[in-house]
Protein backbone atom coordinates (compact mmCIF):
# COMPACT_ATOMS: atom_id res chain seq x y z
CA MET A 1 -78.46 -10.79 226.35
CA GLU A 2 -78.51 -10.93 222.56
CA HIS A 3 -75.72 -10.54 220.36
CA GLN A 4 -75.32 -7.26 218.36
CA THR A 5 -73.23 -7.22 215.16
CA GLY A 6 -70.48 -4.78 215.31
CA ALA A 7 -70.79 -3.86 218.94
CA GLU A 8 -67.42 -2.81 220.47
CA ALA A 9 -65.93 -4.91 223.06
CA MET A 10 -65.78 -3.35 226.62
CA LEU A 11 -62.43 -5.16 227.01
CA PRO A 12 -60.39 -6.33 224.13
CA PRO A 13 -59.53 -10.02 223.51
CA GLY A 14 -56.66 -11.33 225.47
CA THR A 15 -57.62 -9.19 228.60
CA LYS A 16 -56.32 -11.04 231.66
CA CYS A 17 -59.10 -11.29 234.60
CA ASP A 18 -57.02 -13.01 237.20
CA GLN A 19 -56.79 -16.50 235.82
CA PHE A 20 -59.13 -15.91 232.96
CA ILE A 21 -58.24 -14.69 229.63
CA LEU A 22 -61.06 -13.13 227.50
CA GLN A 23 -61.49 -14.60 223.89
CA LYS A 24 -64.41 -13.81 221.61
CA MET A 25 -67.36 -11.95 222.62
CA LEU A 26 -70.45 -14.00 222.77
CA SER A 27 -73.31 -11.61 223.47
CA VAL A 28 -74.05 -8.03 224.22
CA GLY A 29 -77.14 -6.46 225.88
CA GLY A 30 -78.24 -3.02 227.60
CA PHE A 31 -76.25 -4.08 230.93
CA GLY A 32 -73.20 -5.58 229.74
CA GLN A 33 -71.21 -8.24 227.64
CA ILE A 34 -70.41 -11.91 227.86
CA PHE A 35 -67.13 -13.32 226.62
CA GLU A 36 -65.71 -16.82 226.09
CA ALA A 37 -62.62 -17.29 228.31
CA SER A 38 -59.91 -19.53 228.68
CA VAL A 39 -58.43 -20.45 231.97
CA VAL A 40 -54.67 -20.29 232.69
CA GLY A 41 -53.16 -23.79 233.43
CA ASN A 42 -56.42 -25.57 232.55
CA PRO A 43 -57.28 -25.09 229.04
CA ARG A 44 -59.88 -27.74 228.84
CA GLU A 45 -62.05 -25.72 231.59
CA LYS A 46 -64.95 -23.96 229.66
CA SER A 47 -65.71 -20.45 231.25
CA VAL A 48 -67.57 -17.29 230.54
CA VAL A 49 -67.02 -13.80 231.80
CA LYS A 50 -69.60 -11.21 232.24
CA VAL A 51 -68.21 -7.67 231.87
CA GLU A 52 -70.27 -4.52 233.27
CA ALA A 53 -68.96 -0.93 233.28
CA GLN A 54 -68.56 0.60 236.71
CA THR A 55 -70.40 3.75 235.50
CA ALA A 56 -73.41 1.78 234.29
CA MET A 57 -76.79 3.25 235.40
CA PHE A 58 -77.90 -0.04 236.50
CA GLN A 59 -75.27 -2.06 238.51
CA LEU A 60 -76.22 -5.69 238.47
CA LEU A 61 -72.86 -7.69 238.35
CA PHE A 62 -72.29 -7.30 242.10
CA ASN A 63 -75.65 -8.51 243.06
CA GLU A 64 -75.51 -11.48 240.48
CA CYS A 65 -71.99 -12.36 242.25
CA ALA A 66 -73.47 -12.35 245.64
CA CYS A 67 -76.38 -14.62 244.67
CA LEU A 68 -74.35 -17.06 242.58
CA LYS A 69 -71.84 -17.38 245.34
CA SER A 70 -74.52 -18.04 247.92
CA LEU A 71 -76.20 -20.77 245.62
CA ASN A 72 -72.76 -22.34 245.05
CA ALA A 73 -72.01 -22.13 248.91
CA ALA A 74 -75.34 -23.77 249.74
CA PHE A 75 -75.77 -26.35 247.07
CA ASN A 76 -72.50 -27.19 245.60
CA PRO A 77 -69.57 -26.19 248.15
CA ASN A 78 -67.29 -28.87 246.17
CA GLN A 79 -67.63 -27.49 242.77
CA LEU A 80 -68.97 -30.61 241.35
CA PHE A 81 -69.80 -30.70 237.78
CA GLU A 82 -73.42 -30.56 236.65
CA SER A 83 -74.75 -31.37 240.21
CA THR A 84 -77.15 -28.53 240.65
CA PRO A 85 -79.18 -26.16 238.32
CA PHE A 86 -76.89 -23.23 239.12
CA LEU A 87 -73.55 -22.64 237.16
CA ARG A 88 -70.34 -22.92 239.32
CA PHE A 89 -68.93 -19.79 240.41
CA HIS A 90 -65.24 -19.07 239.12
CA GLY A 91 -64.36 -15.65 240.26
CA TYR A 92 -65.21 -11.84 240.51
CA GLY A 93 -63.14 -8.60 240.15
CA THR A 94 -62.50 -5.22 238.82
CA ILE A 95 -60.30 -3.87 235.83
CA ASP A 96 -59.78 -0.89 234.11
CA GLY A 97 -63.02 0.54 235.21
CA TYR A 98 -65.18 -2.58 234.41
CA ARG A 99 -66.47 -5.33 236.75
CA TRP A 100 -66.17 -8.84 235.77
CA LEU A 101 -67.80 -12.28 236.77
CA ALA A 102 -66.46 -15.64 235.83
CA MET A 103 -68.64 -18.55 235.91
CA GLU A 104 -69.28 -21.95 234.31
CA LYS A 105 -70.00 -22.10 230.50
CA CYS A 106 -73.29 -23.67 229.53
CA GLY A 107 -75.14 -24.48 226.33
CA ASP A 108 -78.05 -22.91 224.40
CA ASN A 109 -80.91 -21.21 226.16
CA LEU A 110 -84.47 -22.28 225.97
CA SER A 111 -85.65 -19.29 224.07
CA ASP A 112 -83.42 -20.15 221.16
CA LEU A 113 -84.20 -23.80 221.39
CA ARG A 114 -87.89 -23.29 221.16
CA LYS A 115 -87.63 -21.10 218.15
CA ALA A 116 -85.65 -23.66 216.38
CA THR A 117 -88.49 -26.22 216.75
CA PRO A 118 -90.82 -26.73 213.76
CA LEU A 119 -93.95 -25.04 215.18
CA ASN A 120 -92.20 -22.63 217.70
CA ARG A 121 -93.13 -24.77 220.63
CA PHE A 122 -91.93 -27.54 222.54
CA SER A 123 -93.84 -30.70 223.09
CA VAL A 124 -96.05 -31.16 226.03
CA PRO A 125 -93.80 -33.73 227.57
CA THR A 126 -90.61 -31.66 227.05
CA SER A 127 -92.72 -28.64 228.39
CA LEU A 128 -93.65 -30.53 231.50
CA PHE A 129 -90.07 -31.73 231.96
CA ILE A 130 -88.88 -27.95 231.91
CA LEU A 131 -91.51 -26.75 234.16
CA SER A 132 -90.68 -29.23 236.96
CA LYS A 133 -87.00 -28.34 236.53
CA PHE A 134 -87.90 -24.65 236.91
CA ILE A 135 -89.95 -25.20 240.00
CA GLU A 136 -87.05 -27.44 241.60
CA ALA A 137 -84.48 -24.73 240.87
CA LEU A 138 -86.73 -21.88 242.31
CA GLN A 139 -87.54 -23.93 245.43
CA MET A 140 -83.81 -24.34 246.08
CA MET A 141 -83.11 -20.75 245.37
CA HIS A 142 -86.03 -19.59 247.61
CA SER A 143 -84.97 -21.75 250.34
CA ILE A 144 -81.86 -19.91 251.01
CA GLY A 145 -83.68 -16.58 250.97
CA TRP A 146 -83.39 -15.33 247.34
CA LEU A 147 -85.96 -14.40 244.66
CA HIS A 148 -85.13 -14.49 241.10
CA ARG A 149 -87.34 -11.79 239.83
CA ASP A 150 -86.55 -12.15 236.06
CA VAL A 151 -87.69 -15.62 235.34
CA LYS A 152 -87.63 -16.13 231.32
CA PRO A 153 -86.63 -18.71 228.70
CA ALA A 154 -83.40 -16.98 228.00
CA ASN A 155 -82.25 -17.38 231.69
CA VAL A 156 -82.49 -21.10 231.53
CA CYS A 157 -79.64 -23.07 229.49
CA ILE A 158 -78.96 -26.68 228.83
CA GLY A 159 -75.50 -28.31 229.95
CA LEU A 160 -72.63 -28.29 227.55
CA HIS A 161 -72.39 -32.09 227.91
CA SER A 162 -75.72 -33.10 229.25
CA PRO A 163 -78.66 -32.16 227.25
CA ARG A 164 -81.00 -33.09 230.25
CA HIS A 165 -79.23 -30.72 232.52
CA LEU A 166 -80.77 -27.34 233.04
CA TYR A 167 -79.37 -24.25 234.44
CA LEU A 168 -81.17 -21.37 235.99
CA LEU A 169 -78.88 -18.20 235.50
CA ASP A 170 -78.69 -14.42 235.41
CA PHE A 171 -79.37 -13.29 238.97
CA GLY A 172 -78.83 -9.57 238.42
CA MET A 173 -82.34 -8.56 239.55
CA SER A 174 -82.37 -11.17 242.32
CA ARG A 175 -83.28 -9.97 245.79
CA ILE A 176 -82.88 -11.20 249.39
CA TYR A 177 -86.35 -11.53 250.87
CA VAL A 178 -85.35 -12.67 254.29
CA GLU A 179 -83.84 -10.91 257.21
CA LYS A 180 -80.44 -12.10 258.76
CA ASP A 181 -82.34 -14.02 261.39
CA GLY A 182 -84.26 -15.93 258.85
CA THR A 183 -87.69 -14.23 259.22
CA LEU A 184 -89.45 -12.83 256.11
CA LYS A 185 -88.84 -9.03 255.27
CA PRO A 186 -92.15 -7.21 255.74
CA ARG A 187 -93.99 -6.60 252.72
CA ARG A 188 -93.23 -3.29 251.06
CA ILE A 189 -96.23 -0.90 250.15
CA SER A 190 -94.88 -0.75 246.66
CA ALA A 191 -92.01 -1.73 244.61
CA PRO A 192 -90.45 -0.84 241.18
CA PHE A 193 -91.26 -2.92 238.16
CA ARG A 194 -88.80 -5.88 238.05
CA GLY A 195 -88.64 -8.49 235.40
CA THR A 196 -89.61 -9.11 231.76
CA LEU A 197 -92.90 -7.81 230.57
CA ARG A 198 -94.12 -10.83 228.92
CA TYR A 199 -93.67 -13.29 231.97
CA VAL A 200 -94.22 -11.07 235.11
CA SER A 201 -97.18 -11.61 237.31
CA VAL A 202 -100.12 -9.08 237.56
CA ASN A 203 -98.77 -8.40 240.96
CA ILE A 204 -95.44 -7.11 239.49
CA HIS A 205 -97.68 -5.00 236.94
CA ARG A 206 -99.53 -3.45 239.88
CA ARG A 207 -96.13 -2.56 241.43
CA GLN A 208 -96.70 -4.93 244.53
CA ASP A 209 -93.66 -6.38 246.19
CA ALA A 210 -92.51 -9.64 244.81
CA SER A 211 -92.71 -12.72 246.61
CA ARG A 212 -91.99 -16.50 245.94
CA TRP A 213 -95.33 -16.74 244.02
CA ASP A 214 -94.30 -14.32 241.57
CA ASP A 215 -91.26 -16.34 240.46
CA ILE A 216 -93.65 -19.48 240.04
CA TRP A 217 -96.14 -17.09 237.98
CA SER A 218 -93.31 -16.50 235.40
CA ALA A 219 -92.41 -20.32 235.22
CA PHE A 220 -96.13 -20.96 234.54
CA TYR A 221 -96.44 -18.50 231.85
CA ILE A 222 -93.36 -19.91 230.29
CA ALA A 223 -94.76 -23.56 230.36
CA THR A 224 -97.99 -22.12 228.64
CA GLU A 225 -95.76 -20.44 225.93
CA ASN A 226 -93.67 -23.59 225.66
CA MET A 227 -96.76 -25.80 225.07
CA VAL A 228 -98.84 -23.37 222.95
CA GLY A 229 -96.12 -21.61 221.04
CA TYR A 230 -97.17 -18.11 222.11
CA LEU A 231 -98.86 -16.05 224.80
CA PRO A 232 -101.81 -13.95 223.99
CA TRP A 233 -100.10 -10.72 225.01
CA ARG A 234 -96.88 -11.56 222.86
CA ARG A 235 -97.33 -8.79 220.39
CA MET A 236 -98.12 -5.99 223.03
CA GLY A 237 -95.48 -3.53 224.22
CA ASP A 238 -97.94 -1.28 226.31
CA THR A 239 -97.66 -2.39 229.95
CA LYS A 240 -101.21 -1.66 230.81
CA LYS A 241 -102.56 -3.73 227.76
CA VAL A 242 -100.33 -6.74 228.78
CA GLU A 243 -101.64 -6.26 232.40
CA ASP A 244 -105.30 -6.17 231.22
CA THR A 245 -104.85 -9.18 228.85
CA LYS A 246 -103.27 -11.41 231.39
CA ILE A 247 -106.27 -10.76 233.71
CA SER A 248 -108.75 -11.36 230.93
CA SER A 249 -107.42 -14.30 229.03
CA ASP A 250 -108.67 -17.77 229.67
CA LEU A 251 -105.34 -19.64 229.12
CA SER A 252 -106.98 -23.04 229.31
CA ARG A 253 -108.83 -22.47 225.98
CA LEU A 254 -105.58 -22.12 224.06
CA LYS A 255 -104.39 -25.21 221.95
CA TYR A 256 -101.64 -27.23 223.89
CA GLY A 257 -99.91 -28.97 221.23
CA SER A 258 -101.78 -31.70 219.52
CA GLU A 259 -103.60 -32.44 222.80
CA THR A 260 -107.36 -32.02 223.19
CA ALA A 261 -106.91 -30.21 226.57
CA ARG A 262 -104.24 -28.54 228.64
CA PRO A 263 -102.37 -30.93 231.14
CA ASN A 264 -104.19 -31.09 234.54
CA SER A 265 -100.98 -30.06 236.38
CA MET A 266 -101.11 -26.59 234.53
CA SER A 267 -104.80 -26.32 235.80
CA VAL A 268 -103.84 -27.19 239.39
CA ILE A 269 -100.88 -24.79 239.40
CA GLU A 270 -102.90 -21.92 237.88
CA SER A 271 -105.63 -22.53 240.59
CA TYR A 272 -102.84 -22.07 243.39
CA LEU A 273 -101.46 -19.18 241.66
CA ASN A 274 -104.73 -17.32 241.38
CA VAL A 275 -105.63 -17.78 245.07
CA SER A 276 -102.22 -16.38 245.97
CA GLN A 277 -102.97 -13.38 243.78
CA LEU A 278 -106.19 -12.64 245.57
CA ASP A 279 -105.24 -13.29 249.09
CA PRO A 280 -102.58 -10.89 250.60
CA SER A 281 -101.55 -13.39 253.19
CA TYR A 282 -100.00 -15.51 250.53
CA PHE A 283 -97.29 -13.14 250.37
CA TYR A 284 -95.69 -14.87 253.48
CA GLN A 285 -96.57 -18.67 252.56
CA PRO A 286 -94.32 -20.82 250.24
CA PRO A 287 -95.68 -22.09 247.27
CA PRO A 288 -96.50 -25.88 247.46
CA TYR A 289 -93.46 -26.83 245.19
CA GLU A 290 -93.65 -30.63 245.89
CA LEU A 291 -97.43 -30.56 245.26
CA MET A 292 -96.82 -28.94 242.02
CA ILE A 293 -94.15 -31.35 241.00
CA ARG A 294 -96.06 -34.30 241.76
CA GLU A 295 -98.75 -33.12 239.57
CA ILE A 296 -96.30 -32.71 236.74
CA GLU A 297 -94.86 -36.13 237.26
CA ALA A 298 -98.41 -37.49 237.13
CA ASP A 299 -98.90 -35.91 233.96
CA LEU A 300 -95.84 -37.34 232.52
CA ARG A 301 -96.72 -40.79 233.54
CA LEU A 302 -100.12 -40.34 231.72
CA ARG A 303 -98.17 -39.82 228.54
CA GLY A 304 -95.87 -42.79 229.26
CA CYS A 305 -92.83 -40.88 230.33
CA THR A 306 -90.84 -39.93 233.31
CA LYS A 307 -88.49 -36.99 233.80
CA SER A 308 -85.56 -39.41 233.39
CA SER A 309 -86.84 -41.01 230.25
CA VAL A 310 -88.92 -38.32 228.18
CA ILE A 311 -86.98 -37.63 225.08
CA LEU A 312 -86.34 -33.88 225.05
CA ASP A 313 -87.04 -32.01 221.86
CA TRP A 314 -83.46 -30.72 221.50
CA MET A 315 -82.38 -34.25 221.70
CA THR A 316 -84.10 -35.18 218.34
CA VAL A 317 -83.61 -34.26 214.70
CA GLN A 318 -85.59 -31.30 214.02
CA TYR A 319 -87.85 -30.73 210.83
CA PRO A 320 -87.69 -27.36 208.70
CA PRO A 321 -89.89 -24.81 210.59
CA THR A 322 -93.35 -23.96 209.09
CA HIS A 323 -95.94 -21.24 209.94
CA GLN A 324 -98.62 -22.66 207.71
CA TYR A 325 -101.00 -23.73 210.40
CA GLN A 326 -104.48 -22.77 211.84
CA MET A 327 -104.15 -19.59 214.11
CA SER A 328 -105.79 -19.82 217.56
CA PRO A 329 -108.48 -17.32 218.32
CA TYR A 330 -106.20 -15.81 220.64
CA SER A 331 -103.30 -15.06 218.42
CA THR A 332 -102.38 -11.89 216.64
CA PRO A 333 -102.24 -12.31 212.98
CA ASN A 334 -98.56 -11.97 211.71
CA ARG A 335 -98.25 -10.82 207.99
CA ARG A 336 -96.02 -13.61 207.18
CA MET A 337 -98.23 -16.24 208.35
CA ILE A 338 -100.48 -18.01 205.88
CA ILE A 339 -103.95 -19.09 206.53
CA THR A 340 -104.19 -22.54 204.77
CA PRO A 341 -106.94 -24.48 203.38
CA GLN A 342 -108.52 -27.16 205.43
CA LYS A 343 -106.50 -29.92 203.75
CA THR A 344 -103.37 -28.30 204.65
CA HIS A 345 -104.65 -28.01 208.17
CA LYS A 346 -105.21 -31.84 208.50
CA LYS A 347 -101.65 -32.34 207.12
CA THR A 348 -100.22 -30.10 209.85
CA GLU A 349 -102.34 -31.66 212.57
CA ARG A 350 -100.94 -35.01 211.59
CA MET A 351 -97.35 -33.60 211.54
CA GLU A 352 -98.06 -32.28 215.04
CA ARG A 353 -99.29 -35.71 216.42
CA GLU A 354 -96.19 -37.50 214.97
CA TYR A 355 -93.89 -34.79 216.35
CA GLU A 356 -95.43 -35.34 219.74
CA ARG A 357 -94.97 -39.03 219.55
CA SER A 358 -91.27 -38.61 218.43
CA VAL A 359 -90.27 -37.02 221.62
CA CYS A 360 -91.58 -39.11 224.33
CA PHE A 361 -91.45 -42.99 225.08
CA TYR A 362 -94.81 -44.61 224.96
């Protein structure tokens, strides 16, 4: 959700939802609003409350509640602090024609953090760290029978107190893909489009039933965007044009930070994803999560880092943003971008190299 100036709050500040007292509105989107909330009897507890009208065309909050409760029951039954990549569930209910869902409060999301970087991208080590955490969280979610179906940067946040802790959130469009006996549900002949246009797989464009592979596709696209600064279809709004560009683009040719080639783990992951898209039988097969994570860890070691030692971009002092750099052959010109002389390009390349070194132990 993005904040909209002047939007009227669904519930006024001071509204009491069980033990949660609504305070200021943090953000508002097409499907509801998010409020900061205090907890009666525990003023130090940080909580947020999502609110959705019971008359809303798309009812997402009940589904999100079910998924979040399942994740907490499976991986954090004792409600330990920052122990899993999922927010702690605090409560759910209805009041005055609205549904509300209370959960742990977290920090900034990855979309905002990337936009705050000097070159609108994360360093390669930071991007690899994020991708690994994405895959770990998705593997956990998939292991208890849930698909996310809306994996995007805005749906991953850092911890309030630990900048290394990442949370996967927003499960309104999640779906159970297994039967009660644990067997996989049969593949549907077709399915409605679910997800965010920029990050969904080609399978979703083709209205095919989502599988675990489609969540990984989204994580892969996000990793590419994090390292490069954009995706070739970023300025396209037509669904068919985006699909065609996803099929035709050679993402390996993009400029991955200050490096001469993209990380090997990205090529390995893409090769598995491409096979899964061509072979229908892969719908029922789990992605090789551990293999993908090992490849990412190997790439981090080549860069003198580990997941526990890499200095993440948002942990360092940021430089003022600049758009004065050479544009990739895949990028779409922006009126505000300046194509600078070669001398400026060399200066920017040097700054990029220094920026990469500043966020990783060597």
